[in-house]
Amino acid sequence: MQWKKSPPELIAAFDKAAPKDSRAVKKPMFGYPALFVNGNMFAGTYQDKVVVRLAEDDRARLLKEKGAGPFEPMPGRAMKEYVVVPAALVAKPASLRAWIERGLQYALTLPPKKK
């Protein structure tokens, strides 16, 4: 399976929407930009998509949006708790920022990853 790089404009939108919280750390995940807190990934890009890890209520809410869906980096292999943010919301900086912030808030409730 060949992976595509995320387009520069998507990476720029993702970077601009990143929380200004010092606990949020940007580092690559499988070569794609991603955001982590306490070692837990809560948002990232994957090819031409932005994905965010959300609490159950927020997942249900985002999945109702046209173009949203479970994040499946490989067909049939959904990553639990991660949702693809629809392109229409990615194009709206305030909306993308709000969903990434929800991801951060959810990830803060998770136990820190052990090193």
PDB file of N, CA and C in Angstrom:
ATOM      1  N   MET A   1       0.841  -1.177   0.000  1.00  0.00           N
ATOM      2  CA  MET A   1       0.000   0.000   0.000  1.00  0.00           C
ATOM      3  C   MET A   1       0.887   1.242   0.000  1.00  0.00           C
ATOM      4  N   GLN A   2       0.626   2.144  -0.941  1.00  0.00           N
ATOM      5  CA  GLN A   2       1.427   3.355  -1.038  1.00  0.00           C
ATOM      6  C   GLN A   2       0.726   4.517  -0.336  1.00  0.00           C
ATOM      7  N   TRP A   3       1.438   5.157   0.580  1.00  0.00           N
ATOM      8  CA  TRP A   3       0.894   6.295   1.311  1.00  0.00           C
ATOM      9  C   TRP A   3       1.305   7.575   0.611  1.00  0.00           C
ATOM     10  N   LYS A   4       0.376   8.542   0.612  1.00  0.00           N
ATOM     11  CA  LYS A   4       0.655   9.851   0.034  1.00  0.00           C
ATOM     12  C   LYS A   4       0.999  10.823   1.155  1.00  0.00           C
ATOM     13  N   LYS A   5       1.866  11.765   0.860  1.00  0.00           N
ATOM     14  CA  LYS A   5       2.153  12.829   1.822  1.00  0.00           C
ATOM     15  C   LYS A   5       0.937  13.734   1.941  1.00  0.00           C
ATOM     16  N   SER A   6       0.782  14.336   3.095  1.00  0.00           N
ATOM     17  CA  SER A   6      -0.281  15.322   3.272  1.00  0.00           C
ATOM     18  C   SER A   6       0.064  16.566   2.469  1.00  0.00           C
ATOM     19  N   PRO A   7      -0.939  17.169   1.790  1.00  0.00           N
ATOM     20  CA  PRO A   7      -0.672  18.394   1.032  1.00  0.00           C
ATOM     21  C   PRO A   7      -0.222  19.526   1.957  1.00  0.00           C
ATOM     22  N   PRO A   8       0.667  20.387   1.478  1.00  0.00           N
ATOM     23  CA  PRO A   8       1.170  21.489   2.311  1.00  0.00           C
ATOM     24  C   PRO A   8       0.059  22.371   2.882  1.00  0.00           C
ATOM     25  N   GLU A   9      -1.004  22.613   2.104  1.00  0.00           N
ATOM     26  CA  GLU A   9      -2.092  23.459   2.599  1.00  0.00           C
ATOM     27  C   GLU A   9      -2.850  22.782   3.748  1.00  0.00           C
ATOM     28  N   LEU A  10      -2.946  21.464   3.736  1.00  0.00           N
ATOM     29  CA  LEU A  10      -3.592  20.741   4.837  1.00  0.00           C
ATOM     30  C   LEU A  10      -2.716  20.820   6.091  1.00  0.00           C
ATOM     31  N   ILE A  11      -1.425  20.641   5.915  1.00  0.00           N
ATOM     32  CA  ILE A  11      -0.504  20.730   7.051  1.00  0.00           C
ATOM     33  C   ILE A  11      -0.550  22.136   7.647  1.00  0.00           C
ATOM     34  N   ALA A  12      -0.602  23.152   6.801  1.00  0.00           N
ATOM     35  CA  ALA A  12      -0.670  24.539   7.287  1.00  0.00           C
ATOM     36  C   ALA A  12      -1.949  24.774   8.082  1.00  0.00           C
ATOM     37  N   ALA A  13      -3.085  24.270   7.583  1.00  0.00           N
ATOM     38  CA  ALA A  13      -4.362  24.418   8.298  1.00  0.00           C
ATOM     39  C   ALA A  13      -4.306  23.685   9.633  1.00  0.00           C
ATOM     40  N   PHE A  14      -3.726  22.494   9.638  1.00  0.00           N
ATOM     41  CA  PHE A  14      -3.594  21.701  10.859  1.00  0.00           C
ATOM     42  C   PHE A  14      -2.718  22.433  11.872  1.00  0.00           C
ATOM     43  N   ASP A  15      -1.583  22.937  11.419  1.00  0.00           N
ATOM     44  CA  ASP A  15      -0.666  23.658  12.312  1.00  0.00           C
ATOM     45  C   ASP A  15      -1.341  24.893  12.905  1.00  0.00           C
ATOM     46  N   LYS A  16      -2.075  25.609  12.078  1.00  0.00           N
ATOM     47  CA  LYS A  16      -2.745  26.825  12.540  1.00  0.00           C
ATOM     48  C   LYS A  16      -3.833  26.512  13.569  1.00  0.00           C
ATOM     49  N   ALA A  17      -4.455  25.332  13.468  1.00  0.00           N
ATOM     50  CA  ALA A  17      -5.531  24.938  14.373  1.00  0.00           C
ATOM     51  C   ALA A  17      -5.023  24.278  15.654  1.00  0.00           C
ATOM     52  N   ALA A  18      -3.727  24.030  15.733  1.00  0.00           N
ATOM     53  CA  ALA A  18      -3.166  23.362  16.920  1.00  0.00           C
ATOM     54  C   ALA A  18      -3.389  24.213  18.165  1.00  0.00           C
ATOM     55  N   PRO A  19      -3.734  23.566  19.281  1.00  0.00           N
ATOM     56  CA  PRO A  19      -3.945  24.312  20.528  1.00  0.00           C
ATOM     57  C   PRO A  19      -2.682  25.047  20.952  1.00  0.00           C
ATOM     58  N   LYS A  20      -2.868  26.179  21.575  1.00  0.00           N
ATOM     59  CA  LYS A  20      -1.742  26.964  22.085  1.00  0.00           C
ATOM     60  C   LYS A  20      -1.360  26.507  23.496  1.00  0.00           C
ATOM     61  N   ASP A  21      -1.776  25.323  23.855  1.00  0.00           N
ATOM     62  CA  ASP A  21      -1.531  24.722  25.166  1.00  0.00           C
ATOM     63  C   ASP A  21      -0.126  24.118  25.174  1.00  0.00           C
ATOM     64  N   SER A  22       0.692  24.499  26.133  1.00  0.00           N
ATOM     65  CA  SER A  22       2.074  24.005  26.174  1.00  0.00           C
ATOM     66  C   SER A  22       2.158  22.495  26.396  1.00  0.00           C
ATOM     67  N   ARG A  23       1.084  21.875  26.868  1.00  0.00           N
ATOM     68  CA  ARG A  23       1.087  20.420  27.061  1.00  0.00           C
ATOM     69  C   ARG A  23       0.953  19.672  25.739  1.00  0.00           C
ATOM     70  N   ALA A  24       0.433  20.342  24.714  1.00  0.00           N
ATOM     71  CA  ALA A  24       0.262  19.720  23.395  1.00  0.00           C
ATOM     72  C   ALA A  24       1.599  19.748  22.665  1.00  0.00           C
ATOM     73  N   VAL A  25       2.056  18.581  22.251  1.00  0.00           N
ATOM     74  CA  VAL A  25       3.354  18.430  21.604  1.00  0.00           C
ATOM     75  C   VAL A  25       3.145  17.954  20.176  1.00  0.00           C
ATOM     76  N   LYS A  26       3.774  18.641  19.233  1.00  0.00           N
ATOM     77  CA  LYS A  26       3.691  18.220  17.835  1.00  0.00           C
ATOM     78  C   LYS A  26       4.889  17.350  17.511  1.00  0.00           C
ATOM     79  N   LYS A  27       4.603  16.175  16.969  1.00  0.00           N
ATOM     80  CA  LYS A  27       5.668  15.304  16.485  1.00  0.00           C
ATOM     81  C   LYS A  27       5.078  14.385  15.425  1.00  0.00           C
ATOM     82  N   PRO A  28       5.913  13.841  14.566  1.00  0.00           N
ATOM     83  CA  PRO A  28       5.380  13.005  13.484  1.00  0.00           C
ATOM     84  C   PRO A  28       4.916  11.630  13.972  1.00  0.00           C
ATOM     85  N   MET A  29       3.882  11.145  13.311  1.00  0.00           N
ATOM     86  CA  MET A  29       3.397   9.784  13.530  1.00  0.00           C
ATOM     87  C   MET A  29       3.307   9.153  12.141  1.00  0.00           C
ATOM     88  N   PHE A  30       4.111   8.158  11.894  1.00  0.00           N
ATOM     89  CA  PHE A  30       4.197   7.509  10.582  1.00  0.00           C
ATOM     90  C   PHE A  30       4.503   8.530   9.486  1.00  0.00           C
ATOM     91  N   GLY A  31       5.280   9.565   9.835  1.00  0.00           N
ATOM     92  CA  GLY A  31       5.678  10.570   8.865  1.00  0.00           C
ATOM     93  C   GLY A  31       4.681  11.703   8.673  1.00  0.00           C
ATOM     94  N   TYR A  32       3.559  11.663   9.369  1.00  0.00           N
ATOM     95  CA  TYR A  32       2.543  12.703   9.264  1.00  0.00           C
ATOM     96  C   TYR A  32       2.547  13.563  10.523  1.00  0.00           C
ATOM     97  N   PRO A  33       2.240  14.874  10.399  1.00  0.00           N
ATOM     98  CA  PRO A  33       2.158  15.723  11.585  1.00  0.00           C
ATOM     99  C   PRO A  33       1.068  15.222  12.533  1.00  0.00           C
ATOM    100  N   ALA A  34       1.369  15.217  13.819  1.00  0.00           N
ATOM    101  CA  ALA A  34       0.402  14.765  14.819  1.00  0.00           C
ATOM    102  C   ALA A  34       0.607  15.554  16.108  1.00  0.00           C
ATOM    103  N   LEU A  35      -0.438  15.570  16.926  1.00  0.00           N
ATOM    104  CA  LEU A  35      -0.410  16.250  18.216  1.00  0.00           C
ATOM    105  C   LEU A  35      -0.619  15.234  19.329  1.00  0.00           C
ATOM    106  N   PHE A  36       0.184  15.376  20.385  1.00  0.00           N
ATOM    107  CA  PHE A  36       0.147  14.454  21.510  1.00  0.00           C
ATOM    108  C   PHE A  36       0.050  15.239  22.812  1.00  0.00           C
ATOM    109  N   VAL A  37      -0.553  14.609  23.814  1.00  0.00           N
ATOM    110  CA  VAL A  37      -0.513  15.128  25.172  1.00  0.00           C
ATOM    111  C   VAL A  37      -0.320  13.929  26.088  1.00  0.00           C
ATOM    112  N   ASN A  38       0.615  14.030  27.001  1.00  0.00           N
ATOM    113  CA  ASN A  38       0.947  12.921  27.908  1.00  0.00           C
ATOM    114  C   ASN A  38       1.225  11.623  27.153  1.00  0.00           C
ATOM    115  N   GLY A  39       1.793  11.751  25.958  1.00  0.00           N
ATOM    116  CA  GLY A  39       2.127  10.579  25.152  1.00  0.00           C
ATOM    117  C   GLY A  39       0.981  10.017  24.331  1.00  0.00           C
ATOM    118  N   ASN A  40      -0.221  10.563  24.482  1.00  0.00           N
ATOM    119  CA  ASN A  40      -1.395  10.097  23.735  1.00  0.00           C
ATOM    120  C   ASN A  40      -1.651  11.003  22.534  1.00  0.00           C
ATOM    121  N   MET A  41      -1.729  10.406  21.357  1.00  0.00           N
ATOM    122  CA  MET A  41      -2.060  11.184  20.166  1.00  0.00           C
ATOM    123  C   MET A  41      -3.524  11.595  20.241  1.00  0.00           C
ATOM    124  N   PHE A  42      -3.825  12.859  19.887  1.00  0.00           N
ATOM    125  CA  PHE A  42      -5.212  13.296  19.884  1.00  0.00           C
ATOM    126  C   PHE A  42      -5.646  13.918  18.563  1.00  0.00           C
ATOM    127  N   ALA A  43      -4.725  14.179  17.669  1.00  0.00           N
ATOM    128  CA  ALA A  43      -5.072  14.704  16.345  1.00  0.00           C
ATOM    129  C   ALA A  43      -3.881  14.537  15.421  1.00  0.00           C
ATOM    130  N   GLY A  44      -4.164  14.476  14.130  1.00  0.00           N
ATOM    131  CA  GLY A  44      -3.094  14.365  13.166  1.00  0.00           C
ATOM    132  C   GLY A  44      -3.605  14.442  11.752  1.00  0.00           C
ATOM    133  N   THR A  45      -2.665  14.466  10.823  1.00  0.00           N
ATOM    134  CA  THR A  45      -3.048  14.364   9.416  1.00  0.00           C
ATOM    135  C   THR A  45      -2.697  12.958   8.953  1.00  0.00           C
ATOM    136  N   TYR A  46      -3.390  12.540   7.921  1.00  0.00           N
ATOM    137  CA  TYR A  46      -3.104  11.261   7.281  1.00  0.00           C
ATOM    138  C   TYR A  46      -3.480  11.428   5.814  1.00  0.00           C
ATOM    139  N   GLN A  47      -2.502  11.401   4.967  1.00  0.00           N
ATOM    140  CA  GLN A  47      -2.692  11.656   3.549  1.00  0.00           C
ATOM    141  C   GLN A  47      -3.425  12.989   3.376  1.00  0.00           C
ATOM    142  N   ASP A  48      -4.658  12.986   2.851  1.00  0.00           N
ATOM    143  CA  ASP A  48      -5.374  14.247   2.620  1.00  0.00           C
ATOM    144  C   ASP A  48      -6.463  14.489   3.669  1.00  0.00           C
ATOM    145  N   LYS A  49      -6.285  13.916   4.860  1.00  0.00           N
ATOM    146  CA  LYS A  49      -7.310  14.002   5.905  1.00  0.00           C
ATOM    147  C   LYS A  49      -6.727  14.539   7.210  1.00  0.00           C
ATOM    148  N   VAL A  50      -7.632  15.094   8.017  1.00  0.00           N
ATOM    149  CA  VAL A  50      -7.316  15.414   9.406  1.00  0.00           C
ATOM    150  C   VAL A  50      -8.151  14.473  10.254  1.00  0.00           C
ATOM    151  N   VAL A  51      -7.524  13.876  11.251  1.00  0.00           N
ATOM    152  CA  VAL A  51      -8.226  12.961  12.152  1.00  0.00           C
ATOM    153  C   VAL A  51      -8.099  13.475  13.578  1.00  0.00           C
ATOM    154  N   VAL A  52      -9.112  13.180  14.377  1.00  0.00           N
ATOM    155  CA  VAL A  52      -9.101  13.622  15.760  1.00  0.00           C
ATOM    156  C   VAL A  52      -9.659  12.512  16.642  1.00  0.00           C
ATOM    157  N   ARG A  53      -9.082  12.371  17.811  1.00  0.00           N
ATOM    158  CA  ARG A  53      -9.513  11.373  18.798  1.00  0.00           C
ATOM    159  C   ARG A  53     -10.478  12.056  19.757  1.00  0.00           C
ATOM    160  N   LEU A  54     -11.658  11.471  19.890  1.00  0.00           N
ATOM    161  CA  LEU A  54     -12.725  12.140  20.639  1.00  0.00           C
ATOM    162  C   LEU A  54     -13.409  11.224  21.635  1.00  0.00           C
ATOM    163  N   ALA A  55     -13.999  11.861  22.641  1.00  0.00           N
ATOM    164  CA  ALA A  55     -14.864  11.146  23.586  1.00  0.00           C
ATOM    165  C   ALA A  55     -16.105  10.664  22.831  1.00  0.00           C
ATOM    166  N   GLU A  56     -16.792   9.697  23.398  1.00  0.00           N
ATOM    167  CA  GLU A  56     -17.922   9.059  22.725  1.00  0.00           C
ATOM    168  C   GLU A  56     -18.982  10.050  22.243  1.00  0.00           C
ATOM    169  N   ASP A  57     -19.391  10.987  23.080  1.00  0.00           N
ATOM    170  CA  ASP A  57     -20.423  11.955  22.686  1.00  0.00           C
ATOM    171  C   ASP A  57     -19.963  12.821  21.523  1.00  0.00           C
ATOM    172  N   ASP A  58     -18.734  13.298  21.589  1.00  0.00           N
ATOM    173  CA  ASP A  58     -18.200  14.119  20.497  1.00  0.00           C
ATOM    174  C   ASP A  58     -18.031  13.312  19.222  1.00  0.00           C
ATOM    175  N   ARG A  59     -17.615  12.054  19.340  1.00  0.00           N
ATOM    176  CA  ARG A  59     -17.508  11.188  18.153  1.00  0.00           C
ATOM    177  C   ARG A  59     -18.857  11.068  17.474  1.00  0.00           C
ATOM    178  N   ALA A  60     -19.895  10.783  18.264  1.00  0.00           N
ATOM    179  CA  ALA A  60     -21.244  10.630  17.700  1.00  0.00           C
ATOM    180  C   ALA A  60     -21.671  11.919  17.006  1.00  0.00           C
ATOM    181  N   ARG A  61     -21.366  13.043  17.620  1.00  0.00           N
ATOM    182  CA  ARG A  61     -21.753  14.344  17.049  1.00  0.00           C
ATOM    183  C   ARG A  61     -21.019  14.605  15.729  1.00  0.00           C
ATOM    184  N   LEU A  62     -19.713  14.375  15.702  1.00  0.00           N
ATOM    185  CA  LEU A  62     -18.950  14.625  14.479  1.00  0.00           C
ATOM    186  C   LEU A  62     -19.341  13.648  13.376  1.00  0.00           C
ATOM    187  N   LEU A  63     -19.616  12.409  13.733  1.00  0.00           N
ATOM    188  CA  LEU A  63     -19.979  11.411  12.718  1.00  0.00           C
ATOM    189  C   LEU A  63     -21.289  11.734  12.010  1.00  0.00           C
ATOM    190  N   LYS A  64     -22.090  12.628  12.571  1.00  0.00           N
ATOM    191  CA  LYS A  64     -23.341  13.053  11.925  1.00  0.00           C
ATOM    192  C   LYS A  64     -23.080  14.057  10.804  1.00  0.00           C
ATOM    193  N   GLU A  65     -21.875  14.630  10.779  1.00  0.00           N
ATOM    194  CA  GLU A  65     -21.522  15.624   9.758  1.00  0.00           C
ATOM    195  C   GLU A  65     -21.231  14.919   8.427  1.00  0.00           C
ATOM    196  N   LYS A  66     -21.701  15.513   7.338  1.00  0.00           N
ATOM    197  CA  LYS A  66     -21.456  14.951   6.010  1.00  0.00           C
ATOM    198  C   LYS A  66     -19.955  14.926   5.734  1.00  0.00           C
ATOM    199  N   GLY A  67     -19.454  13.788   5.332  1.00  0.00           N
ATOM    200  CA  GLY A  67     -18.038  13.637   5.025  1.00  0.00           C
ATOM    201  C   GLY A  67     -17.204  13.094   6.171  1.00  0.00           C
ATOM    202  N   ALA A  68     -17.779  13.025   7.367  1.00  0.00           N
ATOM    203  CA  ALA A  68     -17.058  12.453   8.509  1.00  0.00           C
ATOM    204  C   ALA A  68     -17.145  10.932   8.434  1.00  0.00           C
ATOM    205  N   GLY A  69     -16.226  10.271   9.101  1.00  0.00           N
ATOM    206  CA  GLY A  69     -16.267   8.818   9.151  1.00  0.00           C
ATOM    207  C   GLY A  69     -15.208   8.298  10.090  1.00  0.00           C
ATOM    208  N   PRO A  70     -15.287   7.020  10.413  1.00  0.00           N
ATOM    209  CA  PRO A  70     -14.241   6.434  11.246  1.00  0.00           C
ATOM    210  C   PRO A  70     -12.907   6.500  10.500  1.00  0.00           C
ATOM    211  N   PHE A  71     -11.841   6.659  11.247  1.00  0.00           N
ATOM    212  CA  PHE A  71     -10.523   6.699  10.638  1.00  0.00           C
ATOM    213  C   PHE A  71     -10.028   5.281  10.412  1.00  0.00           C
ATOM    214  N   GLU A  72      -9.822   4.937   9.136  1.00  0.00           N
ATOM    215  CA  GLU A  72      -9.345   3.616   8.747  1.00  0.00           C
ATOM    216  C   GLU A  72      -8.083   3.775   7.903  1.00  0.00           C
ATOM    217  N   PRO A  73      -6.901   3.750   8.527  1.00  0.00           N
ATOM    218  CA  PRO A  73      -5.687   3.884   7.730  1.00  0.00           C
ATOM    219  C   PRO A  73      -5.499   2.732   6.739  1.00  0.00           C
ATOM    220  N   MET A  74      -6.097   1.590   7.056  1.00  0.00           N
ATOM    221  CA  MET A  74      -6.135   0.457   6.133  1.00  0.00           C
ATOM    222  C   MET A  74      -7.591   0.010   6.066  1.00  0.00           C
ATOM    223  N   PRO A  75      -8.095  -0.314   4.884  1.00  0.00           N
ATOM    224  CA  PRO A  75      -9.503  -0.704   4.755  1.00  0.00           C
ATOM    225  C   PRO A  75      -9.903  -1.782   5.766  1.00  0.00           C
ATOM    226  N   GLY A  76     -11.005  -1.512   6.460  1.00  0.00           N
ATOM    227  CA  GLY A  76     -11.525  -2.467   7.427  1.00  0.00           C
ATOM    228  C   GLY A  76     -10.830  -2.443   8.774  1.00  0.00           C
ATOM    229  N   ARG A  77      -9.898  -1.529   8.974  1.00  0.00           N
ATOM    230  CA  ARG A  77      -9.152  -1.456  10.231  1.00  0.00           C
ATOM    231  C   ARG A  77      -9.304  -0.069  10.845  1.00  0.00           C
ATOM    232  N   ALA A  78     -10.462   0.166  11.416  1.00  0.00           N
ATOM    233  CA  ALA A  78     -10.729   1.465  12.035  1.00  0.00           C
ATOM    234  C   ALA A  78      -9.927   1.611  13.318  1.00  0.00           C
ATOM    235  N   MET A  79      -9.411   2.823  13.537  1.00  0.00           N
ATOM    236  CA  MET A  79      -8.722   3.134  14.790  1.00  0.00           C
ATOM    237  C   MET A  79      -9.771   3.615  15.776  1.00  0.00           C
ATOM    238  N   LYS A  80      -9.880   2.896  16.854  1.00  0.00           N
ATOM    239  CA  LYS A  80     -10.864   3.189  17.890  1.00  0.00           C
ATOM    240  C   LYS A  80     -10.736   4.640  18.353  1.00  0.00           C
ATOM    241  N   GLU A  81     -11.845   5.322  18.460  1.00  0.00           N
ATOM    242  CA  GLU A  81     -11.967   6.690  18.981  1.00  0.00           C
ATOM    243  C   GLU A  81     -11.568   7.778  18.000  1.00  0.00           C
ATOM    244  N   TYR A  82     -11.043   7.451  16.824  1.00  0.00           N
ATOM    245  CA  TYR A  82     -10.601   8.472  15.872  1.00  0.00           C
ATOM    246  C   TYR A  82     -11.631   8.660  14.765  1.00  0.00           C
ATOM    247  N   VAL A  83     -11.858   9.931  14.421  1.00  0.00           N
ATOM    248  CA  VAL A  83     -12.825  10.291  13.385  1.00  0.00           C
ATOM    249  C   VAL A  83     -12.131  11.194  12.371  1.00  0.00           C
ATOM    250  N   VAL A  84     -12.465  10.996  11.098  1.00  0.00           N
ATOM    251  CA  VAL A  84     -11.982  11.873  10.035  1.00  0.00           C
ATOM    252  C   VAL A  84     -12.844  13.135  10.052  1.00  0.00           C
ATOM    253  N   VAL A  85     -12.193  14.282  10.157  1.00  0.00           N
ATOM    254  CA  VAL A  85     -12.899  15.565  10.133  1.00  0.00           C
ATOM    255  C   VAL A  85     -13.256  15.866   8.681  1.00  0.00           C
ATOM    256  N   PRO A  86     -14.532  16.155   8.394  1.00  0.00           N
ATOM    257  CA  PRO A  86     -14.923  16.443   7.013  1.00  0.00           C
ATOM    258  C   PRO A  86     -14.156  17.631   6.426  1.00  0.00           C
ATOM    259  N   ALA A  87     -13.877  17.568   5.143  1.00  0.00           N
ATOM    260  CA  ALA A  87     -13.127  18.627   4.461  1.00  0.00           C
ATOM    261  C   ALA A  87     -13.792  19.987   4.639  1.00  0.00           C
ATOM    262  N   ALA A  88     -15.123  20.027   4.667  1.00  0.00           N
ATOM    263  CA  ALA A  88     -15.837  21.301   4.837  1.00  0.00           C
ATOM    264  C   ALA A  88     -15.501  21.943   6.180  1.00  0.00           C
ATOM    265  N   LEU A  89     -15.281  21.139   7.225  1.00  0.00           N
ATOM    266  CA  LEU A  89     -14.915  21.677   8.536  1.00  0.00           C
ATOM    267  C   LEU A  89     -13.426  22.000   8.613  1.00  0.00           C
ATOM    268  N   VAL A  90     -12.613  21.232   7.919  1.00  0.00           N
ATOM    269  CA  VAL A  90     -11.171  21.514   7.875  1.00  0.00           C
ATOM    270  C   VAL A  90     -10.951  22.879   7.220  1.00  0.00           C
ATOM    271  N   ALA A  91     -11.797  23.222   6.246  1.00  0.00           N
ATOM    272  CA  ALA A  91     -11.676  24.490   5.530  1.00  0.00           C
ATOM    273  C   ALA A  91     -12.086  25.699   6.376  1.00  0.00           C
ATOM    274  N   LYS A  92     -12.711  25.454   7.517  1.00  0.00           N
ATOM    275  CA  LYS A  92     -13.133  26.528   8.421  1.00  0.00           C
ATOM    276  C   LYS A  92     -12.212  26.508   9.642  1.00  0.00           C
ATOM    277  N   PRO A  93     -11.251  27.440   9.714  1.00  0.00           N
ATOM    278  CA  PRO A  93     -10.260  27.404  10.793  1.00  0.00           C
ATOM    279  C   PRO A  93     -10.852  27.297  12.199  1.00  0.00           C
ATOM    280  N   ALA A  94     -11.916  28.029  12.480  1.00  0.00           N
ATOM    281  CA  ALA A  94     -12.499  27.987  13.831  1.00  0.00           C
ATOM    282  C   ALA A  94     -13.101  26.612  14.121  1.00  0.00           C
ATOM    283  N   SER A  95     -13.719  26.002  13.134  1.00  0.00           N
ATOM    284  CA  SER A  95     -14.308  24.668  13.334  1.00  0.00           C
ATOM    285  C   SER A  95     -13.226  23.625  13.549  1.00  0.00           C
ATOM    286  N   LEU A  96     -12.192  23.667  12.713  1.00  0.00           N
ATOM    287  CA  LEU A  96     -11.099  22.701  12.870  1.00  0.00           C
ATOM    288  C   LEU A  96     -10.442  22.877  14.231  1.00  0.00           C
ATOM    289  N   ARG A  97     -10.184  24.108  14.617  1.00  0.00           N
ATOM    290  CA  ARG A  97      -9.572  24.394  15.924  1.00  0.00           C
ATOM    291  C   ARG A  97     -10.436  23.830  17.055  1.00  0.00           C
ATOM    292  N   ALA A  98     -11.760  24.010  16.948  1.00  0.00           N
ATOM    293  CA  ALA A  98     -12.667  23.535  17.998  1.00  0.00           C
ATOM    294  C   ALA A  98     -12.637  22.012  18.118  1.00  0.00           C
ATOM    295  N   TRP A  99     -12.608  21.303  16.997  1.00  0.00           N
ATOM    296  CA  TRP A  99     -12.576  19.837  17.061  1.00  0.00           C
ATOM    297  C   TRP A  99     -11.235  19.339  17.602  1.00  0.00           C
ATOM    298  N   ILE A 100     -10.157  19.969  17.204  1.00  0.00           N
ATOM    299  CA  ILE A 100      -8.848  19.568  17.732  1.00  0.00           C
ATOM    300  C   ILE A 100      -8.786  19.860  19.231  1.00  0.00           C
ATOM    301  N   GLU A 101      -9.352  20.964  19.659  1.00  0.00           N
ATOM    302  CA  GLU A 101      -9.400  21.292  21.090  1.00  0.00           C
ATOM    303  C   GLU A 101     -10.208  20.234  21.852  1.00  0.00           C
ATOM    304  N   ARG A 102     -11.312  19.774  21.270  1.00  0.00           N
ATOM    305  CA  ARG A 102     -12.092  18.694  21.914  1.00  0.00           C
ATOM    306  C   ARG A 102     -11.249  17.431  22.041  1.00  0.00           C
ATOM    307  N   GLY A 103     -10.434  17.172  21.014  1.00  0.00           N
ATOM    308  CA  GLY A 103      -9.527  16.029  21.078  1.00  0.00           C
ATOM    309  C   GLY A 103      -8.527  16.169  22.208  1.00  0.00           C
ATOM    310  N   LEU A 104      -7.972  17.359  22.362  1.00  0.00           N
ATOM    311  CA  LEU A 104      -7.032  17.611  23.458  1.00  0.00           C
ATOM    312  C   LEU A 104      -7.714  17.385  24.800  1.00  0.00           C
ATOM    313  N   GLN A 105      -8.904  17.940  24.970  1.00  0.00           N
ATOM    314  CA  GLN A 105      -9.609  17.797  26.248  1.00  0.00           C
ATOM    315  C   GLN A 105      -9.889  16.327  26.564  1.00  0.00           C
ATOM    316  N   TYR A 106     -10.245  15.552  25.549  1.00  0.00           N
ATOM    317  CA  TYR A 106     -10.475  14.125  25.769  1.00  0.00           C
ATOM    318  C   TYR A 106      -9.160  13.422  26.137  1.00  0.00           C
ATOM    319  N   ALA A 107      -8.095  13.711  25.398  1.00  0.00           N
ATOM    320  CA  ALA A 107      -6.819  13.042  25.657  1.00  0.00           C
ATOM    321  C   ALA A 107      -6.281  13.352  27.048  1.00  0.00           C
ATOM    322  N   LEU A 108      -6.622  14.523  27.581  1.00  0.00           N
ATOM    323  CA  LEU A 108      -6.196  14.875  28.932  1.00  0.00           C
ATOM    324  C   LEU A 108      -6.841  13.988  29.990  1.00  0.00           C
ATOM    325  N   THR A 109      -7.950  13.316  29.650  1.00  0.00           N
ATOM    326  CA  THR A 109      -8.618  12.414  30.587  1.00  0.00           C
ATOM    327  C   THR A 109      -8.004  11.013  30.568  1.00  0.00           C
ATOM    328  N   LEU A 110      -7.163  10.732  29.579  1.00  0.00           N
ATOM    329  CA  LEU A 110      -6.564   9.403  29.436  1.00  0.00           C
ATOM    330  C   LEU A 110      -5.325   9.280  30.318  1.00  0.00           C
ATOM    331  N   PRO A 111      -5.027   8.055  30.744  1.00  0.00           N
ATOM    332  CA  PRO A 111      -3.800   7.893  31.540  1.00  0.00           C
ATOM    333  C   PRO A 111      -2.578   8.177  30.655  1.00  0.00           C
ATOM    334  N   PRO A 112      -1.561   8.803  31.225  1.00  0.00           N
ATOM    335  CA  PRO A 112      -0.345   9.069  30.450  1.00  0.00           C
ATOM    336  C   PRO A 112       0.271   7.757  29.955  1.00  0.00           C
ATOM    337  N   LYS A 113       0.854   7.817  28.757  1.00  0.00           N
ATOM    338  CA  LYS A 113       1.573   6.647  28.225  1.00  0.00           C
ATOM    339  C   LYS A 113       2.848   6.469  29.021  1.00  0.00           C
ATOM    340  N   LYS A 114       3.157   5.236  29.308  1.00  0.00           N
ATOM    341  CA  LYS A 114       4.412   4.936  29.997  1.00  0.00           C
ATOM    342  C   LYS A 114       5.545   4.915  28.993  1.00  0.00           C
ATOM    343  N   LYS A 115       6.694   5.442  29.398  1.00  0.00           N
ATOM    344  CA  LYS A 115       7.839   5.493  28.498  1.00  0.00           C
ATOM    345  C   LYS A 115       8.598   4.192  28.547  1.00  0.00           C
TER     346      LYS A 115
END
